[in-house]
N, C-alpha and C. Protein backbone atom coordinates (compact mmCIF):
# COMPACT_ATOMS: atom_id res chain seq x y z
N MET A 1 0.86 -1.19 0.03
CA MET A 1 0.02 0.01 0.00
C MET A 1 0.90 1.21 0.03
N PHE A 2 0.33 2.32 -0.44
CA PHE A 2 1.04 3.56 -0.56
C PHE A 2 0.94 4.39 0.71
N ILE A 3 0.56 3.77 1.82
CA ILE A 3 0.43 4.49 3.08
C ILE A 3 1.71 4.36 3.81
N GLN A 4 2.24 5.49 4.32
CA GLN A 4 3.49 5.54 5.12
C GLN A 4 3.14 5.61 6.60
N GLY A 5 4.06 5.12 7.38
CA GLY A 5 3.92 5.26 8.82
C GLY A 5 3.23 4.12 9.54
N LEU A 6 2.76 3.15 8.74
CA LEU A 6 2.14 1.94 9.26
C LEU A 6 3.06 0.72 9.08
N SER A 7 3.12 -0.17 10.00
CA SER A 7 3.86 -1.39 9.79
C SER A 7 3.16 -2.31 8.78
N ASP A 8 3.82 -3.33 8.29
CA ASP A 8 3.15 -4.24 7.38
C ASP A 8 1.98 -4.93 8.02
N TRP A 9 2.10 -5.27 9.32
CA TRP A 9 0.98 -5.87 10.07
C TRP A 9 -0.17 -4.89 10.13
N GLU A 10 0.12 -3.64 10.44
CA GLU A 10 -1.04 -2.65 10.52
C GLU A 10 -1.68 -2.43 9.17
N LYS A 11 -0.89 -2.49 8.11
CA LYS A 11 -1.49 -2.36 6.74
C LYS A 11 -2.37 -3.61 6.41
N ARG A 12 -1.90 -4.75 6.76
CA ARG A 12 -2.74 -5.94 6.56
C ARG A 12 -4.04 -5.85 7.32
N ARG A 13 -3.92 -5.48 8.61
CA ARG A 13 -5.12 -5.33 9.46
C ARG A 13 -6.06 -4.28 8.86
N LEU A 14 -5.51 -3.16 8.39
CA LEU A 14 -6.34 -2.16 7.77
C LEU A 14 -7.09 -2.70 6.56
N ALA A 15 -6.41 -3.52 5.72
CA ALA A 15 -7.01 -4.09 4.55
C ALA A 15 -8.10 -5.01 4.94
N LEU A 16 -7.88 -5.85 5.96
CA LEU A 16 -8.97 -6.77 6.48
C LEU A 16 -10.11 -6.03 6.97
N VAL A 17 -9.93 -5.01 7.75
CA VAL A 17 -11.09 -4.23 8.32
C VAL A 17 -11.86 -3.60 7.16
N LEU A 18 -11.13 -3.03 6.16
CA LEU A 18 -11.85 -2.41 5.06
C LEU A 18 -12.70 -3.44 4.32
N LYS A 19 -12.09 -4.65 4.12
CA LYS A 19 -12.78 -5.70 3.44
C LYS A 19 -14.04 -6.18 4.22
N GLU A 20 -13.88 -6.24 5.55
CA GLU A 20 -15.08 -6.63 6.45
C GLU A 20 -16.17 -5.59 6.38
N ARG A 21 -15.85 -4.35 6.04
CA ARG A 21 -16.81 -3.29 5.97
C ARG A 21 -17.24 -3.07 4.56
N GLY A 22 -16.91 -4.01 3.61
CA GLY A 22 -17.48 -3.97 2.25
C GLY A 22 -16.64 -3.16 1.27
N HIS A 23 -15.43 -2.89 1.54
CA HIS A 23 -14.57 -2.11 0.65
C HIS A 23 -13.45 -2.95 0.10
N THR A 24 -12.92 -2.58 -1.05
CA THR A 24 -11.73 -3.17 -1.62
C THR A 24 -10.58 -2.25 -1.20
N ALA A 25 -9.64 -2.78 -0.47
CA ALA A 25 -8.53 -1.95 0.13
C ALA A 25 -7.80 -1.19 -1.02
N PHE A 26 -7.55 -1.90 -2.13
CA PHE A 26 -6.80 -1.27 -3.25
C PHE A 26 -7.49 -0.04 -3.76
N MET A 27 -8.85 -0.13 -3.96
CA MET A 27 -9.60 0.94 -4.51
C MET A 27 -9.67 2.11 -3.45
N VAL A 28 -9.81 1.79 -2.23
CA VAL A 28 -9.86 2.84 -1.13
C VAL A 28 -8.58 3.60 -1.20
N ILE A 29 -7.44 2.90 -1.21
CA ILE A 29 -6.09 3.53 -1.18
C ILE A 29 -5.87 4.29 -2.46
N LYS A 30 -6.32 3.78 -3.60
CA LYS A 30 -6.18 4.45 -4.86
C LYS A 30 -6.89 5.77 -4.84
N HIS A 31 -8.10 5.87 -4.38
CA HIS A 31 -8.82 7.08 -4.33
C HIS A 31 -8.29 8.06 -3.27
N ALA A 32 -7.86 7.54 -2.18
CA ALA A 32 -7.19 8.38 -1.13
C ALA A 32 -5.90 8.98 -1.74
N THR A 33 -5.16 8.26 -2.46
CA THR A 33 -3.92 8.74 -3.07
C THR A 33 -4.27 9.79 -4.09
N ALA A 34 -5.32 9.57 -4.88
CA ALA A 34 -5.75 10.56 -5.84
C ALA A 34 -6.14 11.88 -5.19
N ALA A 35 -6.77 11.81 -4.06
CA ALA A 35 -7.18 13.01 -3.30
C ALA A 35 -5.89 13.82 -2.88
N ILE A 36 -4.90 13.10 -2.36
CA ILE A 36 -3.69 13.75 -1.94
C ILE A 36 -2.96 14.39 -3.15
N LEU A 37 -2.93 13.65 -4.29
CA LEU A 37 -2.20 14.14 -5.51
C LEU A 37 -2.97 15.40 -5.98
N SER A 38 -4.27 15.37 -5.98
CA SER A 38 -5.04 16.54 -6.41
C SER A 38 -4.75 17.75 -5.55
N TYR A 39 -4.70 17.53 -4.24
CA TYR A 39 -4.38 18.60 -3.32
C TYR A 39 -2.97 19.22 -3.57
N LYS A 40 -2.01 18.31 -3.76
CA LYS A 40 -0.63 18.80 -4.02
C LYS A 40 -0.57 19.57 -5.35
N ARG A 41 -1.39 19.19 -6.35
CA ARG A 41 -1.33 19.85 -7.67
C ARG A 41 -2.12 21.14 -7.67
N GLY A 42 -2.96 21.34 -6.58
CA GLY A 42 -3.77 22.52 -6.54
C GLY A 42 -4.97 22.46 -7.41
N THR A 43 -5.38 21.20 -7.73
CA THR A 43 -6.61 20.99 -8.53
C THR A 43 -7.78 20.55 -7.60
N PRO A 44 -9.00 20.75 -8.05
CA PRO A 44 -10.10 20.40 -7.18
C PRO A 44 -10.08 18.87 -6.86
N ILE A 45 -10.45 18.53 -5.66
CA ILE A 45 -10.46 17.11 -5.19
C ILE A 45 -11.82 16.54 -5.52
N ASN A 46 -11.78 15.44 -6.25
CA ASN A 46 -13.03 14.70 -6.56
C ASN A 46 -13.74 14.28 -5.26
N THR A 47 -15.04 14.40 -5.23
CA THR A 47 -15.74 14.06 -4.00
C THR A 47 -15.57 12.59 -3.54
N VAL A 48 -15.52 11.71 -4.52
CA VAL A 48 -15.35 10.28 -4.22
C VAL A 48 -13.95 10.07 -3.63
N ASP A 49 -12.96 10.73 -4.21
CA ASP A 49 -11.61 10.60 -3.69
C ASP A 49 -11.55 11.12 -2.23
N GLN A 50 -12.19 12.26 -1.97
CA GLN A 50 -12.21 12.80 -0.65
C GLN A 50 -12.90 11.90 0.33
N GLN A 51 -14.03 11.30 -0.12
CA GLN A 51 -14.76 10.39 0.79
C GLN A 51 -13.86 9.19 1.25
N TYR A 52 -13.11 8.69 0.31
CA TYR A 52 -12.26 7.58 0.61
C TYR A 52 -11.09 8.00 1.43
N LEU A 53 -10.53 9.18 1.25
CA LEU A 53 -9.49 9.67 2.10
C LEU A 53 -10.00 9.83 3.52
N ASP A 54 -11.21 10.37 3.67
CA ASP A 54 -11.85 10.48 4.97
C ASP A 54 -12.05 9.11 5.61
N LEU A 55 -12.42 8.10 4.78
CA LEU A 55 -12.65 6.77 5.30
C LEU A 55 -11.29 6.20 5.80
N VAL A 56 -10.23 6.39 5.08
CA VAL A 56 -8.89 5.87 5.50
C VAL A 56 -8.50 6.57 6.84
N ASP A 57 -8.68 7.90 6.85
CA ASP A 57 -8.32 8.65 8.06
C ASP A 57 -9.10 8.12 9.25
N ALA A 58 -10.40 7.96 9.13
CA ALA A 58 -11.23 7.54 10.22
C ALA A 58 -10.87 6.09 10.70
N THR A 59 -10.66 5.25 9.72
CA THR A 59 -10.40 3.82 10.00
C THR A 59 -9.02 3.72 10.70
N ILE A 60 -8.00 4.38 10.21
CA ILE A 60 -6.67 4.28 10.86
C ILE A 60 -6.75 4.92 12.27
N GLU A 61 -7.46 6.04 12.42
CA GLU A 61 -7.56 6.64 13.75
C GLU A 61 -8.32 5.71 14.71
N GLU A 62 -9.34 5.01 14.22
CA GLU A 62 -10.09 4.08 15.06
C GLU A 62 -9.25 2.89 15.42
N LEU A 63 -8.49 2.30 14.53
CA LEU A 63 -7.69 1.17 14.80
C LEU A 63 -6.44 1.44 15.64
N TYR A 64 -5.72 2.54 15.30
CA TYR A 64 -4.38 2.77 15.90
C TYR A 64 -4.21 4.09 16.60
N GLY A 65 -5.22 4.96 16.45
CA GLY A 65 -5.15 6.30 17.13
C GLY A 65 -4.19 7.24 16.33
N TYR A 66 -3.78 6.83 15.13
CA TYR A 66 -2.86 7.69 14.35
C TYR A 66 -3.64 8.78 13.59
N LYS A 67 -2.95 9.90 13.35
CA LYS A 67 -3.49 10.98 12.52
C LYS A 67 -2.65 11.06 11.29
N ARG A 68 -3.17 11.74 10.22
CA ARG A 68 -2.45 11.89 9.00
C ARG A 68 -1.70 13.21 8.98
N VAL A 69 -0.48 13.16 8.52
CA VAL A 69 0.33 14.37 8.34
C VAL A 69 -0.40 15.14 7.15
N PRO A 70 -0.69 16.42 7.34
CA PRO A 70 -1.38 17.18 6.29
C PRO A 70 -0.69 17.05 4.92
N LYS A 71 -1.47 16.91 3.94
CA LYS A 71 -1.03 16.86 2.51
C LYS A 71 -0.25 15.56 2.17
N GLN A 72 -0.28 14.57 2.97
CA GLN A 72 0.37 13.32 2.73
C GLN A 72 -0.41 12.15 3.18
N LEU A 73 -0.07 10.95 2.69
CA LEU A 73 -0.62 9.74 3.24
C LEU A 73 0.41 9.09 4.22
N TYR A 74 0.72 9.89 5.17
CA TYR A 74 1.69 9.44 6.20
C TYR A 74 0.96 9.60 7.57
N TYR A 75 0.94 8.52 8.30
CA TYR A 75 0.18 8.48 9.53
C TYR A 75 1.13 8.24 10.69
N ALA A 76 0.86 8.90 11.82
CA ALA A 76 1.69 8.84 13.03
C ALA A 76 0.83 9.12 14.24
N PRO A 77 1.37 8.82 15.44
CA PRO A 77 0.61 9.28 16.65
C PRO A 77 0.49 10.73 16.70
N PRO A 78 -0.57 11.29 17.31
CA PRO A 78 -0.86 12.73 17.34
C PRO A 78 0.34 13.55 17.82
N GLU A 79 1.08 13.03 18.77
CA GLU A 79 2.22 13.82 19.33
C GLU A 79 3.29 14.04 18.24
N ALA A 80 3.49 12.99 17.40
CA ALA A 80 4.49 13.08 16.37
C ALA A 80 4.01 14.04 15.26
N ILE A 81 2.73 14.09 15.02
CA ILE A 81 2.16 14.99 14.01
C ILE A 81 2.38 16.42 14.40
N ALA A 82 2.19 16.68 15.74
CA ALA A 82 2.36 18.03 16.22
C ALA A 82 3.81 18.44 16.09
N HIS A 83 4.67 17.52 16.36
CA HIS A 83 6.13 17.72 16.28
C HIS A 83 6.51 18.02 14.80
N ILE A 84 6.00 17.23 13.87
CA ILE A 84 6.27 17.43 12.46
C ILE A 84 5.78 18.77 11.96
N ALA A 85 4.50 19.09 12.33
CA ALA A 85 3.94 20.40 12.01
C ALA A 85 4.74 21.55 12.53
N GLY A 86 5.23 21.37 13.76
CA GLY A 86 6.04 22.44 14.44
C GLY A 86 7.35 22.66 13.63
N GLU A 87 7.98 21.60 13.20
CA GLU A 87 9.21 21.72 12.41
C GLU A 87 8.97 22.44 11.10
N ARG A 88 7.84 22.23 10.49
CA ARG A 88 7.58 22.88 9.18
C ARG A 88 7.34 24.39 9.37
N LEU A 89 6.83 24.80 10.50
CA LEU A 89 6.58 26.18 10.78
C LEU A 89 7.85 26.95 11.00
N LYS A 90 8.96 26.35 11.40
CA LYS A 90 10.13 27.02 11.70
C LYS A 90 10.91 27.39 10.47
């Protein structure tokens, strides 16, 4: 998967949970990636892509308590996100 910050085990568990909830993990990640790429390019984000990005965010937060680094598919504990965001502001 194109998600950074998760171990292989966490990625497998995410895929299984998405499958249990009626989603295909590949398609969910594909749309989430498309949303991030649109944001980086400065183009409008497709509503379906945004919905899947929101689904990934919510599922990862529910399973592991991780948050997404803004503008990336990189997930980490909230304390690390605050640290990363603080470094970018300097």
